Amino acid sequence: MSKIAQELLTKTGGQLVPATVQFASKPKTLYELLNVQPLNGYRFKVMPEHWYQKGFDKCWYEVHRVKYKLYKDQPTHGKAWGILYWNGKAVNESPKEIRGGLKFSWRPYESPHENGVFYDADRAGTMERRRTRQLRAFIEEQKKSE
């Protein structure tokens, strides 16, 4: 058995995972998500994954135009234009360029509250303060060791 096949079997616990399952389970860029939609994603609602995780309920982009660039013979790069809806209201009348198409993971729009996802600002602030204290302690420890 080849090394590649052995690595696949060990990584998947002895079961081969088809390429389509691997593609479906990995985070998608905006262009990978729109490429598989009918009509090139026209009027398709998308949202960045971090908006979903923070519980932004009525915030999404409605895609109106996509221009793909080929990267390694796949349309995984490009530009997209759409209308931003924030709290259910259109922010702009005409489509504007959607930024962060490659930078963020994207998903089809669905309300996070339907799935029980809520953003707790107090908890996030507590976690941030704890990270800051740990970072300061680490920096002081590094200075003492020098």
Protein backbone atom coordinates (compact mmCIF):
# COMPACT_ATOMS: atom_id res chain seq x y z
CA MET A 1 0.00 0.00 0.00
CA SER A 2 1.32 3.47 -0.86
CA LYS A 3 2.23 6.06 1.75
CA ILE A 4 -0.60 8.34 0.65
CA ALA A 5 -3.16 5.57 1.07
CA GLN A 6 -1.74 4.68 4.49
CA GLU A 7 -1.93 8.32 5.61
CA LEU A 8 -5.53 8.56 4.44
CA LEU A 9 -6.47 5.40 6.30
CA THR A 10 -4.78 6.48 9.52
CA LYS A 11 -6.21 10.01 9.40
CA THR A 12 -9.76 8.77 8.85
CA GLY A 13 -9.65 5.91 11.34
CA GLY A 14 -9.45 3.19 8.69
CA GLN A 15 -12.28 4.51 6.53
CA LEU A 16 -11.72 6.20 3.20
CA VAL A 17 -13.44 9.57 2.94
CA PRO A 18 -14.56 10.60 -0.57
CA ALA A 19 -13.33 13.93 -1.92
CA THR A 20 -16.89 15.30 -2.03
CA VAL A 21 -17.33 14.67 1.70
CA GLN A 22 -14.00 16.35 2.42
CA PHE A 23 -15.07 19.40 0.34
CA ALA A 24 -18.47 19.59 2.05
CA SER A 25 -16.99 19.50 5.55
CA LYS A 26 -14.24 22.13 5.14
CA PRO A 27 -14.85 25.88 5.58
CA LYS A 28 -15.71 27.63 2.31
CA THR A 29 -14.57 30.90 0.82
CA LEU A 30 -17.30 33.08 -0.64
CA TYR A 31 -16.44 32.02 -4.19
CA GLU A 32 -16.43 28.29 -3.40
CA LEU A 33 -19.86 28.70 -1.82
CA LEU A 34 -21.34 30.70 -4.71
CA ASN A 35 -19.80 28.51 -7.42
CA VAL A 36 -22.10 25.58 -6.60
CA GLN A 37 -25.31 27.67 -6.38
CA PRO A 38 -27.81 27.93 -9.25
CA LEU A 39 -27.70 31.10 -11.37
CA ASN A 40 -24.16 31.84 -10.18
CA GLY A 41 -25.50 32.68 -6.73
CA TYR A 42 -27.78 35.50 -7.96
CA ARG A 43 -29.99 36.71 -5.06
CA PHE A 44 -28.36 34.10 -2.81
CA LYS A 45 -28.06 35.15 0.86
CA VAL A 46 -24.68 34.60 2.53
CA MET A 47 -23.08 35.58 5.81
CA PRO A 48 -19.54 35.29 7.21
CA GLU A 49 -19.12 32.47 9.70
CA HIS A 50 -18.01 34.85 12.48
CA TRP A 51 -21.30 36.79 12.20
CA TYR A 52 -23.14 33.52 12.69
CA GLN A 53 -21.04 32.58 15.73
CA LYS A 54 -21.63 35.99 17.32
CA GLY A 55 -25.38 35.55 16.86
CA PHE A 56 -26.05 38.39 14.40
CA ASP A 57 -29.60 37.42 13.59
CA LYS A 58 -30.72 39.63 10.72
CA CYS A 59 -27.42 40.43 8.96
CA TRP A 60 -26.50 39.05 5.55
CA TYR A 61 -25.37 39.89 2.02
CA GLU A 62 -27.64 39.34 -0.96
CA VAL A 63 -25.33 38.52 -3.89
CA HIS A 64 -26.12 40.20 -7.21
CA ARG A 65 -23.00 39.61 -9.32
CA VAL A 66 -19.92 37.39 -9.22
CA LYS A 67 -16.81 37.49 -11.38
CA TYR A 68 -14.59 34.43 -10.90
CA LYS A 69 -10.84 34.08 -11.33
CA LEU A 70 -9.34 30.66 -11.88
CA TYR A 71 -6.82 29.50 -9.30
CA LYS A 72 -5.32 26.04 -9.95
CA ASP A 73 -8.02 25.55 -12.61
CA GLN A 74 -10.81 26.10 -10.06
CA PRO A 75 -13.01 29.21 -9.68
CA THR A 76 -12.00 29.81 -6.06
CA HIS A 77 -11.03 33.48 -6.37
CA GLY A 78 -12.70 36.57 -7.78
CA LYS A 79 -14.95 39.47 -6.89
CA ALA A 80 -18.54 39.57 -5.73
CA TRP A 81 -21.04 42.40 -5.44
CA GLY A 82 -24.16 42.51 -3.34
CA ILE A 83 -26.41 44.43 -0.99
CA LEU A 84 -25.68 44.35 2.74
CA TYR A 85 -28.68 43.87 5.02
CA TRP A 86 -28.06 44.87 8.63
CA ASN A 87 -30.78 44.15 11.19
CA GLY A 88 -33.07 43.28 8.28
CA LYS A 89 -32.68 46.65 6.51
CA ALA A 90 -30.73 47.31 3.32
CA VAL A 91 -27.67 49.45 4.01
CA ASN A 92 -27.10 50.43 0.38
CA GLU A 93 -29.47 50.69 -2.58
CA SER A 94 -27.10 49.48 -5.28
CA PRO A 95 -24.77 46.47 -5.04
CA LYS A 96 -21.33 47.16 -3.53
CA GLU A 97 -18.26 44.93 -3.57
CA ILE A 98 -18.33 42.27 -0.86
CA ARG A 99 -15.05 42.40 1.03
CA GLY A 100 -13.36 39.44 2.72
CA GLY A 101 -14.42 36.78 0.22
CA LEU A 102 -11.18 34.84 0.71
CA LYS A 103 -10.33 36.07 4.20
CA PHE A 104 -13.37 34.67 6.04
CA SER A 105 -15.30 31.42 6.03
CA TRP A 106 -18.77 31.89 4.56
CA ARG A 107 -22.07 30.06 4.92
CA PRO A 108 -25.58 30.35 3.48
CA TYR A 109 -27.69 32.73 5.53
CA GLU A 110 -29.75 31.23 8.31
CA SER A 111 -30.76 32.74 11.60
CA PRO A 112 -28.31 31.67 14.32
CA HIS A 113 -31.03 32.04 16.96
CA GLU A 114 -32.97 29.20 15.33
CA ASN A 115 -30.01 26.95 16.14
CA GLY A 116 -29.49 28.28 19.66
CA VAL A 117 -26.38 30.39 18.96
CA PHE A 118 -26.20 33.52 21.12
CA TYR A 119 -23.38 35.99 21.72
CA ASP A 120 -22.72 36.70 25.39
CA ALA A 121 -20.85 40.03 25.64
CA ASP A 122 -20.13 39.62 29.37
CA ARG A 123 -18.55 36.21 28.84
CA ALA A 124 -16.52 37.45 25.87
CA GLY A 125 -15.24 40.40 27.93
CA THR A 126 -14.26 38.11 30.79
CA MET A 127 -12.36 35.84 28.41
CA GLU A 128 -10.57 38.83 26.87
CA ARG A 129 -9.52 40.15 30.29
CA ARG A 130 -8.20 36.70 31.24
CA ARG A 131 -6.19 36.49 27.99
CA THR A 132 -4.74 39.95 28.65
CA ARG A 133 -3.66 38.96 32.18
CA GLN A 134 -2.05 35.77 30.90
CA LEU A 135 -0.21 37.66 28.17
CA ARG A 136 1.12 40.24 30.64
CA ALA A 137 2.27 37.48 33.00
CA PHE A 138 4.03 35.72 30.11
CA ILE A 139 5.80 38.93 29.04
CA GLU A 140 6.95 39.63 32.61
CA GLU A 141 8.22 36.04 32.91
CA GLN A 142 10.17 36.44 29.67
CA LYS A 143 11.74 39.68 30.91
CA LYS A 144 12.78 38.01 34.19
CA SER A 145 14.37 35.07 32.39
CA GLU A 146 16.50 37.41 30.23
